């Protein structure tokens, strides 16, 4: 979908894969490793653009084992990988020298694979480490063969500018909705912008909002678009409802006493019957027998709507072919904020709200 929309590159999300399996992100779970490889195999040859793969911290193992995983992903067609230096569960950072050994092993095995070294000095931390610490790790990782540096969690312009100035390689920043724009980040010198798990979380937020709307919306609520799709069975419009006397089978009979002819009767459309002088009588039995039951229900709905002043809105309709397919409920007034990264992590660990 994203490649078809014209995006120049696509990256997988480890949180999306882990959450889809009901597992937390960043724990090095073997099930997530297997799912990552499986996804890469299924993407092989299918995308018109390069794609990169998030491999957390390498899913454990020695530098050679992580290098083997990187080689498998390259064989599937991956153009690059993201390798983070955070410990599983957010318990600090891997030793920088150990991380450098992993990076060196990967580049020796697959030199053409773009390795984006992620530095977690600012990710999911109440108190980020000083930028000097981030810059020192970036220098170590680039010396070990990394092709780019990714620092998620950095938001402020001044911090980003400091990283751009101090890192002689493409800098990757995690997009912060409401704080960043693509043109502005480009002006700061950012070379790569990631959405991380944002797209996955946004999709979950939309699904949750739709489900909540279904729970609180009555089954008879219809939208204008749905009414348009079912025009042949829909309630009459105002113009259709203003029938002329040619539709005498559905008109009311008005008895209007006059001095010249106390028994004279006239017929009028339903709209004028309410304002004419006289007494309205019920339709004759012949009218009842020939009247379409669908139109009767629609007329009743229209009359009720007019009395309430809602003729500009869509109405429930009687459909002789069965109930119309309900249109998606409106979520315009419902919260659409996606679940946070931390919320999905808690859910994956089985924490109830």
C-alpha atoms as a PDB file:
ATOM      1  CA  UNK A   1       0.000   0.000   0.000  1.00  0.00           C
ATOM      2  CA  UNK A   2       2.716   2.500   0.958  1.00  0.00           C
ATOM      3  CA  UNK A   3       4.895   1.560  -1.998  1.00  0.00           C
ATOM      4  CA  UNK A   4       1.880   1.931  -4.270  1.00  0.00           C
ATOM      5  CA  UNK A   5       1.298   5.393  -2.840  1.00  0.00           C
ATOM      6  CA  UNK A   6       4.713   6.423  -4.109  1.00  0.00           C
ATOM      7  CA  UNK A   7       6.841   6.390  -0.973  1.00  0.00           C
ATOM      8  CA  UNK A   8      10.530   6.084  -1.806  1.00  0.00           C
ATOM      9  CA  UNK A   9      11.263   3.425   0.819  1.00  0.00           C
ATOM     10  CA  UNK A  10       9.415   1.277   3.334  1.00  0.00           C
ATOM     11  CA  UNK A  11      10.547   0.076   6.754  1.00  0.00           C
ATOM     12  CA  UNK A  12       9.048  -2.679   8.878  1.00  0.00           C
ATOM     13  CA  UNK A  13       8.112  -2.092  12.516  1.00  0.00           C
ATOM     14  CA  UNK A  14       9.208  -4.504  15.224  1.00  0.00           C
ATOM     15  CA  UNK A  15       6.384  -3.316  17.481  1.00  0.00           C
ATOM     16  CA  UNK A  16       3.810  -4.085  14.792  1.00  0.00           C
ATOM     17  CA  UNK A  17       5.130  -7.613  14.346  1.00  0.00           C
ATOM     18  CA  UNK A  18       5.431  -8.250  18.076  1.00  0.00           C
ATOM     19  CA  UNK A  19       1.991  -6.821  18.913  1.00  0.00           C
ATOM     20  CA  UNK A  20       0.373  -8.863  16.137  1.00  0.00           C
ATOM     21  CA  UNK A  21       1.719 -11.936  17.941  1.00  0.00           C
ATOM     22  CA  UNK A  22       0.596 -10.664  21.351  1.00  0.00           C
ATOM     23  CA  UNK A  23       4.199 -10.159  22.450  1.00  0.00           C
ATOM     24  CA  UNK A  24       6.078  -7.101  23.748  1.00  0.00           C
ATOM     25  CA  UNK A  25       8.534  -5.263  21.546  1.00  0.00           C
ATOM     26  CA  UNK A  26      12.269  -5.169  22.136  1.00  0.00           C
ATOM     27  CA  UNK A  27      12.492  -8.398  24.146  1.00  0.00           C
ATOM     28  CA  UNK A  28      14.327 -10.460  21.548  1.00  0.00           C
ATOM     29  CA  UNK A  29      11.517 -13.018  21.417  1.00  0.00           C
ATOM     30  CA  UNK A  30      12.310 -15.908  19.039  1.00  0.00           C
ATOM     31  CA  UNK A  31       8.743 -15.798  17.730  1.00  0.00           C
ATOM     32  CA  UNK A  32       9.270 -12.209  16.617  1.00  0.00           C
ATOM     33  CA  UNK A  33      12.563 -13.143  14.977  1.00  0.00           C
ATOM     34  CA  UNK A  34      10.819 -15.886  12.989  1.00  0.00           C
ATOM     35  CA  UNK A  35       7.996 -13.506  12.019  1.00  0.00           C
ATOM     36  CA  UNK A  36      10.545 -10.908  10.893  1.00  0.00           C
ATOM     37  CA  UNK A  37      12.231 -13.384   8.586  1.00  0.00           C
ATOM     38  CA  UNK A  38       8.897 -14.644   7.297  1.00  0.00           C
ATOM     39  CA  UNK A  39       7.788 -11.095   6.462  1.00  0.00           C
ATOM     40  CA  UNK A  40      11.046 -10.408   4.622  1.00  0.00           C
ATOM     41  CA  UNK A  41      10.582 -13.588   2.567  1.00  0.00           C
ATOM     42  CA  UNK A  42       7.033 -12.576   1.630  1.00  0.00           C
ATOM     43  CA  UNK A  43       8.176  -9.094   0.620  1.00  0.00           C
ATOM     44  CA  UNK A  44      10.905 -10.501  -1.640  1.00  0.00           C
ATOM     45  CA  UNK A  45      10.440  -9.207  -5.166  1.00  0.00           C
ATOM     46  CA  UNK A  46       7.040  -7.646  -4.435  1.00  0.00           C
ATOM     47  CA  UNK A  47       7.930  -4.028  -3.751  1.00  0.00           C
ATOM     48  CA  UNK A  48       8.983  -1.458  -6.361  1.00  0.00           C
ATOM     49  CA  UNK A  49      11.045   0.389  -3.741  1.00  0.00           C
ATOM     50  CA  UNK A  50      13.766  -0.537  -1.223  1.00  0.00           C
ATOM     51  CA  UNK A  51      12.688  -1.823   2.166  1.00  0.00           C
ATOM     52  CA  UNK A  52      14.507  -2.040   5.483  1.00  0.00           C
ATOM     53  CA  UNK A  53      13.878  -4.355   8.395  1.00  0.00           C
ATOM     54  CA  UNK A  54      13.800  -3.598  12.109  1.00  0.00           C
ATOM     55  CA  UNK A  55      15.615  -6.413  13.926  1.00  0.00           C
ATOM     56  CA  UNK A  56      15.446  -4.972  17.460  1.00  0.00           C
ATOM     57  CA  UNK A  57      18.868  -5.637  19.025  1.00  0.00           C
ATOM     58  CA  UNK A  58      19.484  -8.662  16.824  1.00  0.00           C
ATOM     59  CA  UNK A  59      17.270 -11.078  18.811  1.00  0.00           C
ATOM     60  CA  UNK A  60      20.125 -12.171  21.022  1.00  0.00           C
ATOM     61  CA  UNK A  61      23.051 -14.363  20.242  1.00  0.00           C
ATOM     62  CA  UNK A  62      26.639 -13.697  19.326  1.00  0.00           C
ATOM     63  CA  UNK A  63      27.817 -11.154  16.755  1.00  0.00           C
ATOM     64  CA  UNK A  64      28.152 -13.976  14.214  1.00  0.00           C
ATOM     65  CA  UNK A  65      24.564 -15.090  14.824  1.00  0.00           C
ATOM     66  CA  UNK A  66      23.250 -11.568  14.319  1.00  0.00           C
ATOM     67  CA  UNK A  67      25.352 -11.303  11.156  1.00  0.00           C
ATOM     68  CA  UNK A  68      23.766 -14.527   9.895  1.00  0.00           C
ATOM     69  CA  UNK A  69      20.314 -13.057  10.419  1.00  0.00           C
ATOM     70  CA  UNK A  70      21.350  -9.929   8.512  1.00  0.00           C
ATOM     71  CA  UNK A  71      22.638 -12.083   5.655  1.00  0.00           C
ATOM     72  CA  UNK A  72      19.323 -13.967   5.462  1.00  0.00           C
ATOM     73  CA  UNK A  73      17.427 -10.689   5.283  1.00  0.00           C
ATOM     74  CA  UNK A  74      19.738  -9.425   2.543  1.00  0.00           C
ATOM     75  CA  UNK A  75      19.130 -12.632   0.577  1.00  0.00           C
ATOM     76  CA  UNK A  76      15.382 -11.884   0.822  1.00  0.00           C
ATOM     77  CA  UNK A  77      15.964  -8.519  -0.794  1.00  0.00           C
ATOM     78  CA  UNK A  78      16.147  -6.198   2.211  1.00  0.00           C
ATOM     79  CA  UNK A  79      18.152  -3.072   1.449  1.00  0.00           C
ATOM     80  CA  UNK A  80      18.989  -2.374   5.072  1.00  0.00           C
ATOM     81  CA  UNK A  81      18.368  -3.097   8.745  1.00  0.00           C
ATOM     82  CA  UNK A  82      17.852  -1.149  11.967  1.00  0.00           C
ATOM     83  CA  UNK A  83      19.905  -2.435  14.881  1.00  0.00           C
ATOM     84  CA  UNK A  84      19.279  -0.889  18.307  1.00  0.00           C
ATOM     85  CA  UNK A  85      21.604  -0.773  21.295  1.00  0.00           C
ATOM     86  CA  UNK A  86      18.933  -0.798  23.997  1.00  0.00           C
ATOM     87  CA  UNK A  87      18.769  -3.753  26.362  1.00  0.00           C
ATOM     88  CA  UNK A  88      15.612  -5.907  26.313  1.00  0.00           C
ATOM     89  CA  UNK A  89      12.811  -4.364  28.340  1.00  0.00           C
ATOM     90  CA  UNK A  90      14.363  -0.912  28.387  1.00  0.00           C
ATOM     91  CA  UNK A  91      16.906  -1.845  31.030  1.00  0.00           C
ATOM     92  CA  UNK A  92      19.696   0.394  29.819  1.00  0.00           C
ATOM     93  CA  UNK A  93      22.100   0.135  26.899  1.00  0.00           C
ATOM     94  CA  UNK A  94      24.380  -2.539  25.545  1.00  0.00           C
ATOM     95  CA  UNK A  95      28.073  -1.917  26.021  1.00  0.00           C
ATOM     96  CA  UNK A  96      29.203   0.270  23.109  1.00  0.00           C
ATOM     97  CA  UNK A  97      32.218  -1.955  22.370  1.00  0.00           C
ATOM     98  CA  UNK A  98      30.040  -5.086  22.243  1.00  0.00           C
ATOM     99  CA  UNK A  99      27.626  -3.292  19.893  1.00  0.00           C
ATOM    100  CA  UNK A 100      30.544  -2.269  17.686  1.00  0.00           C
ATOM    101  CA  UNK A 101      31.570  -5.941  17.395  1.00  0.00           C
ATOM    102  CA  UNK A 102      28.064  -6.819  16.151  1.00  0.00           C
ATOM    103  CA  UNK A 103      28.140  -4.030  13.588  1.00  0.00           C
ATOM    104  CA  UNK A 104      31.564  -5.108  12.326  1.00  0.00           C
ATOM    105  CA  UNK A 105      30.435  -8.736  11.964  1.00  0.00           C
ATOM    106  CA  UNK A 106      27.380  -7.667   9.944  1.00  0.00           C
ATOM    107  CA  UNK A 107      29.347  -5.459   7.555  1.00  0.00           C
ATOM    108  CA  UNK A 108      31.974  -8.158   7.020  1.00  0.00           C
ATOM    109  CA  UNK A 109      29.245 -10.670   6.105  1.00  0.00           C
ATOM    110  CA  UNK A 110      27.040  -8.388   3.993  1.00  0.00           C
ATOM    111  CA  UNK A 111      29.009  -5.236   3.082  1.00  0.00           C
ATOM    112  CA  UNK A 112      26.315  -3.883   0.757  1.00  0.00           C
ATOM    113  CA  UNK A 113      23.562  -3.974   3.380  1.00  0.00           C
ATOM    114  CA  UNK A 114      22.763  -0.513   4.786  1.00  0.00           C
ATOM    115  CA  UNK A 115      23.127  -0.727   8.569  1.00  0.00           C
ATOM    116  CA  UNK A 116      21.265   1.940  10.499  1.00  0.00           C
ATOM    117  CA  UNK A 117      22.694   1.964  14.018  1.00  0.00           C
ATOM    118  CA  UNK A 118      20.016   3.013  16.473  1.00  0.00           C
ATOM    119  CA  UNK A 119      21.127   4.754  19.663  1.00  0.00           C
ATOM    120  CA  UNK A 120      18.592   4.583  22.480  1.00  0.00           C
ATOM    121  CA  UNK A 121      19.938   7.340  24.689  1.00  0.00           C
ATOM    122  CA  UNK A 122      16.640   9.227  24.313  1.00  0.00           C
ATOM    123  CA  UNK A 123      14.101   6.483  23.704  1.00  0.00           C
ATOM    124  CA  UNK A 124      11.448   5.818  26.366  1.00  0.00           C
ATOM    125  CA  UNK A 125      13.462   7.624  29.031  1.00  0.00           C
ATOM    126  CA  UNK A 126      12.257  10.107  31.628  1.00  0.00           C
ATOM    127  CA  UNK A 127      15.739  11.640  31.691  1.00  0.00           C
ATOM    128  CA  UNK A 128      17.630  11.273  28.385  1.00  0.00           C
ATOM    129  CA  UNK A 129      21.383  10.933  28.511  1.00  0.00           C
ATOM    130  CA  UNK A 130      23.461  13.960  27.474  1.00  0.00           C
ATOM    131  CA  UNK A 131      23.914  14.489  23.746  1.00  0.00           C
ATOM    132  CA  UNK A 132      27.656  14.053  24.253  1.00  0.00           C
ATOM    133  CA  UNK A 133      26.969  10.418  25.174  1.00  0.00           C
ATOM    134  CA  UNK A 134      24.922   9.983  21.994  1.00  0.00           C
ATOM    135  CA  UNK A 135      27.657  11.536  19.854  1.00  0.00           C
ATOM    136  CA  UNK A 136      30.325   9.301  21.415  1.00  0.00           C
ATOM    137  CA  UNK A 137      28.326   6.167  20.612  1.00  0.00           C
ATOM    138  CA  UNK A 138      27.689   7.415  17.082  1.00  0.00           C
ATOM    139  CA  UNK A 139      31.437   7.834  16.543  1.00  0.00           C
ATOM    140  CA  UNK A 140      32.087   4.296  17.809  1.00  0.00           C
ATOM    141  CA  UNK A 141      29.381   2.741  15.648  1.00  0.00           C
ATOM    142  CA  UNK A 142      30.442   4.559  12.476  1.00  0.00           C
ATOM    143  CA  UNK A 143      34.013   3.423  13.017  1.00  0.00           C
ATOM    144  CA  UNK A 144      32.711  -0.159  13.263  1.00  0.00           C
ATOM    145  CA  UNK A 145      31.020   0.128   9.874  1.00  0.00           C
ATOM    146  CA  UNK A 146      27.552   1.570  10.471  1.00  0.00           C
ATOM    147  CA  UNK A 147      26.177   3.493   7.491  1.00  0.00           C
ATOM    148  CA  UNK A 148      23.710   5.729   9.324  1.00  0.00           C
ATOM    149  CA  UNK A 149      22.667   6.757  12.828  1.00  0.00           C
ATOM    150  CA  UNK A 150      19.128   6.649  14.197  1.00  0.00           C
ATOM    151  CA  UNK A 151      18.299   8.503  17.419  1.00  0.00           C
ATOM    152  CA  UNK A 152      14.604   8.048  18.280  1.00  0.00           C
ATOM    153  CA  UNK A 153      13.122  10.293  20.938  1.00  0.00           C
ATOM    154  CA  UNK A 154      15.008  13.465  20.031  1.00  0.00           C
ATOM    155  CA  UNK A 155      12.449  16.192  19.344  1.00  0.00           C
ATOM    156  CA  UNK A 156      13.877  19.672  19.956  1.00  0.00           C
ATOM    157  CA  UNK A 157      15.312  21.561  16.983  1.00  0.00           C
ATOM    158  CA  UNK A 158      18.460  22.503  18.860  1.00  0.00           C
ATOM    159  CA  UNK A 159      19.204  18.881  19.782  1.00  0.00           C
ATOM    160  CA  UNK A 160      18.607  17.695  16.238  1.00  0.00           C
ATOM    161  CA  UNK A 161      20.864  20.423  14.857  1.00  0.00           C
ATOM    162  CA  UNK A 162      23.607  19.384  17.309  1.00  0.00           C
ATOM    163  CA  UNK A 163      23.383  15.770  16.157  1.00  0.00           C
ATOM    164  CA  UNK A 164      23.431  16.758  12.476  1.00  0.00           C
ATOM    165  CA  UNK A 165      26.544  18.857  13.048  1.00  0.00           C
ATOM    166  CA  UNK A 166      28.337  16.168  15.061  1.00  0.00           C
ATOM    167  CA  UNK A 167      27.561  13.026  13.047  1.00  0.00           C
ATOM    168  CA  UNK A 168      29.320  12.622   9.665  1.00  0.00           C
ATOM    169  CA  UNK A 169      26.666  10.240   8.347  1.00  0.00           C
ATOM    170  CA  UNK A 170      22.947  10.319   7.468  1.00  0.00           C
ATOM    171  CA  UNK A 171      20.928  11.128  10.591  1.00  0.00           C
ATOM    172  CA  UNK A 172      17.593   9.360  11.080  1.00  0.00           C
ATOM    173  CA  UNK A 173      14.942  10.950  13.347  1.00  0.00           C
ATOM    174  CA  UNK A 174      11.656   9.501  14.581  1.00  0.00           C
ATOM    175  CA  UNK A 175       8.799  11.724  13.415  1.00  0.00           C
ATOM    176  CA  UNK A 176       6.892  13.382  16.279  1.00  0.00           C
ATOM    177  CA  UNK A 177       3.317  14.319  15.268  1.00  0.00           C
ATOM    178  CA  UNK A 178       2.474  17.873  16.246  1.00  0.00           C
ATOM    179  CA  UNK A 179       6.151  18.766  16.674  1.00  0.00           C
ATOM    180  CA  UNK A 180       7.756  17.894  13.358  1.00  0.00           C
ATOM    181  CA  UNK A 181       7.107  18.458   9.695  1.00  0.00           C
ATOM    182  CA  UNK A 182       9.024  16.769   6.898  1.00  0.00           C
ATOM    183  CA  UNK A 183      10.199  20.035   5.273  1.00  0.00           C
ATOM    184  CA  UNK A 184      11.410  21.427   8.588  1.00  0.00           C
ATOM    185  CA  UNK A 185      13.357  18.289   9.485  1.00  0.00           C
ATOM    186  CA  UNK A 186      14.922  18.378   6.031  1.00  0.00           C
ATOM    187  CA  UNK A 187      15.917  22.000   6.603  1.00  0.00           C
ATOM    188  CA  UNK A 188      17.617  20.947   9.855  1.00  0.00           C
ATOM    189  CA  UNK A 189      19.698  18.443   7.887  1.00  0.00           C
ATOM    190  CA  UNK A 190      17.865  15.202   8.746  1.00  0.00           C
ATOM    191  CA  UNK A 191      18.407  12.685   5.955  1.00  0.00           C
ATOM    192  CA  UNK A 192      15.956   9.986   6.962  1.00  0.00           C
ATOM    193  CA  UNK A 193      12.593  10.230   8.745  1.00  0.00           C
ATOM    194  CA  UNK A 194      10.923   7.208  10.320  1.00  0.00           C
ATOM    195  CA  UNK A 195       7.366   6.803  11.534  1.00  0.00           C
ATOM    196  CA  UNK A 196       8.285   3.839  13.742  1.00  0.00           C
ATOM    197  CA  UNK A 197       5.126   2.169  14.996  1.00  0.00           C
ATOM    198  CA  UNK A 198       2.949   5.261  14.345  1.00  0.00           C
ATOM    199  CA  UNK A 199       1.145   3.875  11.292  1.00  0.00           C
ATOM    200  CA  UNK A 200       0.392   0.572  13.031  1.00  0.00           C
ATOM    201  CA  UNK A 201      -0.820   2.314  16.173  1.00  0.00           C
ATOM    202  CA  UNK A 202      -2.939   4.740  14.167  1.00  0.00           C
ATOM    203  CA  UNK A 203      -4.643   1.829  12.416  1.00  0.00           C
ATOM    204  CA  UNK A 204      -5.396   0.258  15.798  1.00  0.00           C
ATOM    205  CA  UNK A 205      -6.751   3.577  17.069  1.00  0.00           C
ATOM    206  CA  UNK A 206      -9.093   3.868  14.074  1.00  0.00           C
ATOM    207  CA  UNK A 207     -10.315   0.295  14.589  1.00  0.00           C
ATOM    208  CA  UNK A 208     -10.996   0.974  18.258  1.00  0.00           C
ATOM    209  CA  UNK A 209     -12.846   4.224  17.492  1.00  0.00           C
ATOM    210  CA  UNK A 210     -15.011   2.462  14.910  1.00  0.00           C
ATOM    211  CA  UNK A 211     -15.865  -0.341  17.331  1.00  0.00           C
ATOM    212  CA  UNK A 212     -16.786   2.176  20.042  1.00  0.00           C
ATOM    213  CA  UNK A 213     -18.987   4.044  17.583  1.00  0.00           C
ATOM    214  CA  UNK A 214     -20.787   0.815  16.666  1.00  0.00           C
ATOM    215  CA  UNK A 215     -21.378   0.102  20.336  1.00  0.00           C
ATOM    216  CA  UNK A 216     -23.064   3.450  20.923  1.00  0.00           C
ATOM    217  CA  UNK A 217     -24.847   3.998  17.597  1.00  0.00           C
ATOM    218  CA  UNK A 218     -28.430   2.830  17.092  1.00  0.00           C
ATOM    219  CA  UNK A 219     -29.039   0.368  14.249  1.00  0.00           C
ATOM    220  CA  UNK A 220     -31.437   2.769  12.504  1.00  0.00           C
ATOM    221  CA  UNK A 221     -28.895   5.562  12.090  1.00  0.00           C
ATOM    222  CA  UNK A 222     -28.099   6.142   8.449  1.00  0.00           C
ATOM    223  CA  UNK A 223     -25.751   8.432   6.596  1.00  0.00           C
ATOM    224  CA  UNK A 224     -26.373  10.479   3.493  1.00  0.00           C
ATOM    225  CA  UNK A 225     -23.983   8.293   1.502  1.00  0.00           C
ATOM    226  CA  UNK A 226     -25.826   5.133   2.519  1.00  0.00           C
ATOM    227  CA  UNK A 227     -29.167   6.653   1.557  1.00  0.00           C
ATOM    228  CA  UNK A 228     -27.764   7.561  -1.846  1.00  0.00           C
ATOM    229  CA  UNK A 229     -26.617   3.987  -2.416  1.00  0.00           C
ATOM    230  CA  UNK A 230     -30.163   2.709  -1.793  1.00  0.00           C
ATOM    231  CA  UNK A 231     -32.065   5.331  -3.765  1.00  0.00           C
ATOM    232  CA  UNK A 232     -34.585   2.977  -5.296  1.00  0.00           C
ATOM    233  CA  UNK A 233     -35.761   1.907  -1.834  1.00  0.00           C
ATOM    234  CA  UNK A 234     -35.036   5.160  -0.030  1.00  0.00           C
ATOM    235  CA  UNK A 235     -37.460   7.518   1.623  1.00  0.00           C
ATOM    236  CA  UNK A 236     -38.884  10.102  -0.815  1.00  0.00           C
ATOM    237  CA  UNK A 237     -37.097  13.383  -1.130  1.00  0.00           C
ATOM    238  CA  UNK A 238     -38.976  16.604  -0.503  1.00  0.00           C
ATOM    239  CA  UNK A 239     -39.610  16.984  -4.233  1.00  0.00           C
ATOM    240  CA  UNK A 240     -40.866  13.391  -4.524  1.00  0.00           C
ATOM    241  CA  UNK A 241     -43.070  13.792  -1.486  1.00  0.00           C
ATOM    242  CA  UNK A 242     -44.821  16.844  -2.934  1.00  0.00           C
ATOM    243  CA  UNK A 243     -47.003  14.751  -5.156  1.00  0.00           C
ATOM    244  CA  UNK A 244     -49.597  16.299  -7.435  1.00  0.00           C
ATOM    245  CA  UNK A 245     -53.209  15.286  -7.730  1.00  0.00           C
ATOM    246  CA  UNK A 246     -52.160  12.825 -10.437  1.00  0.00           C
ATOM    247  CA  UNK A 247     -51.243  10.510  -7.547  1.00  0.00           C
ATOM    248  CA  UNK A 248     -54.843  10.436  -6.352  1.00  0.00           C
ATOM    249  CA  UNK A 249     -54.437   6.930  -4.927  1.00  0.00           C
ATOM    250  CA  UNK A 250     -52.448   8.410  -2.054  1.00  0.00           C
ATOM    251  CA  UNK A 251     -54.235  11.708  -1.529  1.00  0.00           C
ATOM    252  CA  UNK A 252     -56.411  12.533   1.374  1.00  0.00           C
ATOM    253  CA  UNK A 253     -60.046  13.433   0.713  1.00  0.00           C
ATOM    254  CA  UNK A 254     -61.039  16.823   2.014  1.00  0.00           C
ATOM    255  CA  UNK A 255     -64.654  17.547   2.797  1.00  0.00           C
ATOM    256  CA  UNK A 256     -65.219  21.298   2.619  1.00  0.00           C
ATOM    257  CA  UNK A 257     -68.735  22.430   3.556  1.00  0.00           C
ATOM    258  CA  UNK A 258     -69.928  25.431   1.540  1.00  0.00           C
ATOM    259  CA  UNK A 259     -73.206  27.275   1.308  1.00  0.00           C
ATOM    260  CA  UNK A 260     -73.545  26.296  -2.355  1.00  0.00           C
ATOM    261  CA  UNK A 261     -72.747  22.642  -1.917  1.00  0.00           C
ATOM    262  CA  UNK A 262     -72.439  21.367   1.645  1.00  0.00           C
ATOM    263  CA  UNK A 263     -71.294  17.961   0.381  1.00  0.00           C
ATOM    264  CA  UNK A 264     -68.711  19.075  -2.184  1.00  0.00           C
ATOM    265  CA  UNK A 265     -65.405  17.297  -1.909  1.00  0.00           C
ATOM    266  CA  UNK A 266     -61.981  18.115  -3.317  1.00  0.00           C
ATOM    267  CA  UNK A 267     -58.710  16.230  -3.362  1.00  0.00           C
ATOM    268  CA  UNK A 268     -55.290  17.641  -2.515  1.00  0.00           C
ATOM    269  CA  UNK A 269     -51.745  16.392  -2.001  1.00  0.00           C
ATOM    270  CA  UNK A 270     -50.746  15.492   1.563  1.00  0.00           C
ATOM    271  CA  UNK A 271     -48.759  18.728   2.015  1.00  0.00           C
ATOM    272  CA  UNK A 272     -51.744  20.994   1.258  1.00  0.00           C
ATOM    273  CA  UNK A 273     -54.196  18.914   3.243  1.00  0.00           C
ATOM    274  CA  UNK A 274     -52.777  20.157   6.512  1.00  0.00           C
ATOM    275  CA  UNK A 275     -53.358  23.806   5.600  1.00  0.00           C
ATOM    276  CA  UNK A 276     -56.700  23.564   3.781  1.00  0.00           C
ATOM    277  CA  UNK A 277     -59.970  24.513   5.367  1.00  0.00           C
ATOM    278  CA  UNK A 278     -61.986  21.428   6.175  1.00  0.00           C
ATOM    279  CA  UNK A 279     -61.725  18.013   7.728  1.00  0.00           C
ATOM    280  CA  UNK A 280     -59.349  15.361   6.379  1.00  0.00           C
ATOM    281  CA  UNK A 281     -60.742  11.873   6.057  1.00  0.00           C
ATOM    282  CA  UNK A 282     -58.828   8.595   5.895  1.00  0.00           C
ATOM    283  CA  UNK A 283     -58.040   7.008   2.500  1.00  0.00           C
ATOM    284  CA  UNK A 284     -60.696   4.749   1.081  1.00  0.00           C
ATOM    285  CA  UNK A 285     -60.328   0.964   1.290  1.00  0.00           C
ATOM    286  CA  UNK A 286     -59.375   0.983  -2.385  1.00  0.00           C
ATOM    287  CA  UNK A 287     -56.484   3.316  -1.610  1.00  0.00           C
ATOM    288  CA  UNK A 288     -55.256   1.001   1.143  1.00  0.00           C
ATOM    289  CA  UNK A 289     -55.376  -2.017  -1.103  1.00  0.00           C
ATOM    290  CA  UNK A 290     -53.376  -0.445  -3.926  1.00  0.00           C
ATOM    291  CA  UNK A 291     -50.819   1.451  -1.878  1.00  0.00           C
ATOM    292  CA  UNK A 292     -47.255   0.135  -1.854  1.00  0.00           C
ATOM    293  CA  UNK A 293     -46.325  -0.784   1.739  1.00  0.00           C
ATOM    294  CA  UNK A 294     -42.803   0.491   1.179  1.00  0.00           C
ATOM    295  CA  UNK A 295     -44.104   3.911   0.175  1.00  0.00           C
ATOM    296  CA  UNK A 296     -46.481   3.910   3.157  1.00  0.00           C
ATOM    297  CA  UNK A 297     -43.594   3.383   5.589  1.00  0.00           C
ATOM    298  CA  UNK A 298     -41.495   5.976   3.781  1.00  0.00           C
ATOM    299  CA  UNK A 299     -44.339   8.510   3.841  1.00  0.00           C
ATOM    300  CA  UNK A 300     -44.783   7.968   7.557  1.00  0.00           C
ATOM    301  CA  UNK A 301     -41.072   8.475   8.136  1.00  0.00           C
ATOM    302  CA  UNK A 302     -41.087  11.626   6.050  1.00  0.00           C
ATOM    303  CA  UNK A 303     -44.114  13.043   7.863  1.00  0.00           C
ATOM    304  CA  UNK A 304     -42.501  12.359  11.212  1.00  0.00           C
ATOM    305  CA  UNK A 305     -39.248  13.977  10.086  1.00  0.00           C
ATOM    306  CA  UNK A 306     -41.034  17.070   8.824  1.00  0.00           C
ATOM    307  CA  UNK A 307     -42.819  17.485  12.108  1.00  0.00           C
ATOM    308  CA  UNK A 308     -39.445  17.360  13.842  1.00  0.00           C
ATOM    309  CA  UNK A 309     -37.859  19.672  11.269  1.00  0.00           C
ATOM    310  CA  UNK A 310     -35.321  17.071  10.099  1.00  0.00           C
ATOM    311  CA  UNK A 311     -36.154  16.690   6.408  1.00  0.00           C
ATOM    312  CA  UNK A 312     -32.622  17.717   5.516  1.00  0.00           C
ATOM    313  CA  UNK A 313     -31.265  14.588   7.182  1.00  0.00           C
ATOM    314  CA  UNK A 314     -31.389  11.009   5.977  1.00  0.00           C
ATOM    315  CA  UNK A 315     -34.106   8.754   7.270  1.00  0.00           C
ATOM    316  CA  UNK A 316     -34.621   5.085   8.054  1.00  0.00           C
ATOM    317  CA  UNK A 317     -36.219   3.333   5.110  1.00  0.00           C
ATOM    318  CA  UNK A 318     -38.315   0.253   4.594  1.00  0.00           C
ATOM    319  CA  UNK A 319     -36.524  -1.994   2.124  1.00  0.00           C
ATOM    320  CA  UNK A 320     -38.565  -4.819   0.541  1.00  0.00           C
ATOM    321  CA  UNK A 321     -35.344  -6.656  -0.272  1.00  0.00           C
ATOM    322  CA  UNK A 322     -34.333  -6.783   3.381  1.00  0.00           C
ATOM    323  CA  UNK A 323     -32.458  -4.398   5.642  1.00  0.00           C
ATOM    324  CA  UNK A 324     -29.950  -2.166   3.921  1.00  0.00           C
ATOM    325  CA  UNK A 325     -26.291  -2.702   4.737  1.00  0.00           C
ATOM    326  CA  UNK A 326     -25.435  -0.226   7.507  1.00  0.00           C
ATOM    327  CA  UNK A 327     -22.962   2.470   6.647  1.00  0.00           C
ATOM    328  CA  UNK A 328     -19.866   2.824   8.854  1.00  0.00           C
ATOM    329  CA  UNK A 329     -20.779   4.929  11.880  1.00  0.00           C
ATOM    330  CA  UNK A 330     -19.404   8.396  12.118  1.00  0.00           C
ATOM    331  CA  UNK A 331     -16.340   8.717  14.344  1.00  0.00           C
ATOM    332  CA  UNK A 332     -15.984  12.465  13.857  1.00  0.00           C
ATOM    333  CA  UNK A 333     -16.787  13.212  17.485  1.00  0.00           C
ATOM    334  CA  UNK A 334     -15.004  10.207  18.936  1.00  0.00           C
ATOM    335  CA  UNK A 335     -11.384  10.055  20.080  1.00  0.00           C
ATOM    336  CA  UNK A 336      -9.083   8.815  17.326  1.00  0.00           C
ATOM    337  CA  UNK A 337      -5.780   9.092  19.177  1.00  0.00           C
ATOM    338  CA  UNK A 338      -3.770   5.935  18.548  1.00  0.00           C
ATOM    339  CA  UNK A 339      -2.695   3.796  21.483  1.00  0.00           C
ATOM    340  CA  UNK A 340       0.751   4.727  22.714  1.00  0.00           C
ATOM    341  CA  UNK A 341       3.832   2.562  22.447  1.00  0.00           C
ATOM    342  CA  UNK A 342       3.769   2.066  26.231  1.00  0.00           C
ATOM    343  CA  UNK A 343       0.083   1.080  26.165  1.00  0.00           C
ATOM    344  CA  UNK A 344       0.701  -1.670  23.612  1.00  0.00           C
ATOM    345  CA  UNK A 345       3.679  -2.876  25.598  1.00  0.00           C
ATOM    346  CA  UNK A 346       1.524  -3.176  28.727  1.00  0.00           C
ATOM    347  CA  UNK A 347      -1.213  -4.966  26.801  1.00  0.00           C
ATOM    348  CA  UNK A 348       1.322  -7.430  25.419  1.00  0.00           C
ATOM    349  CA  UNK A 349       2.434  -8.216  28.970  1.00  0.00           C
ATOM    350  CA  UNK A 350      -1.149  -8.962  29.933  1.00  0.00           C
ATOM    351  CA  UNK A 351      -1.795  -5.870  32.075  1.00  0.00           C
ATOM    352  CA  UNK A 352      -5.517  -5.121  32.303  1.00  0.00           C
ATOM    353  CA  UNK A 353      -6.995  -1.617  32.472  1.00  0.00           C
END
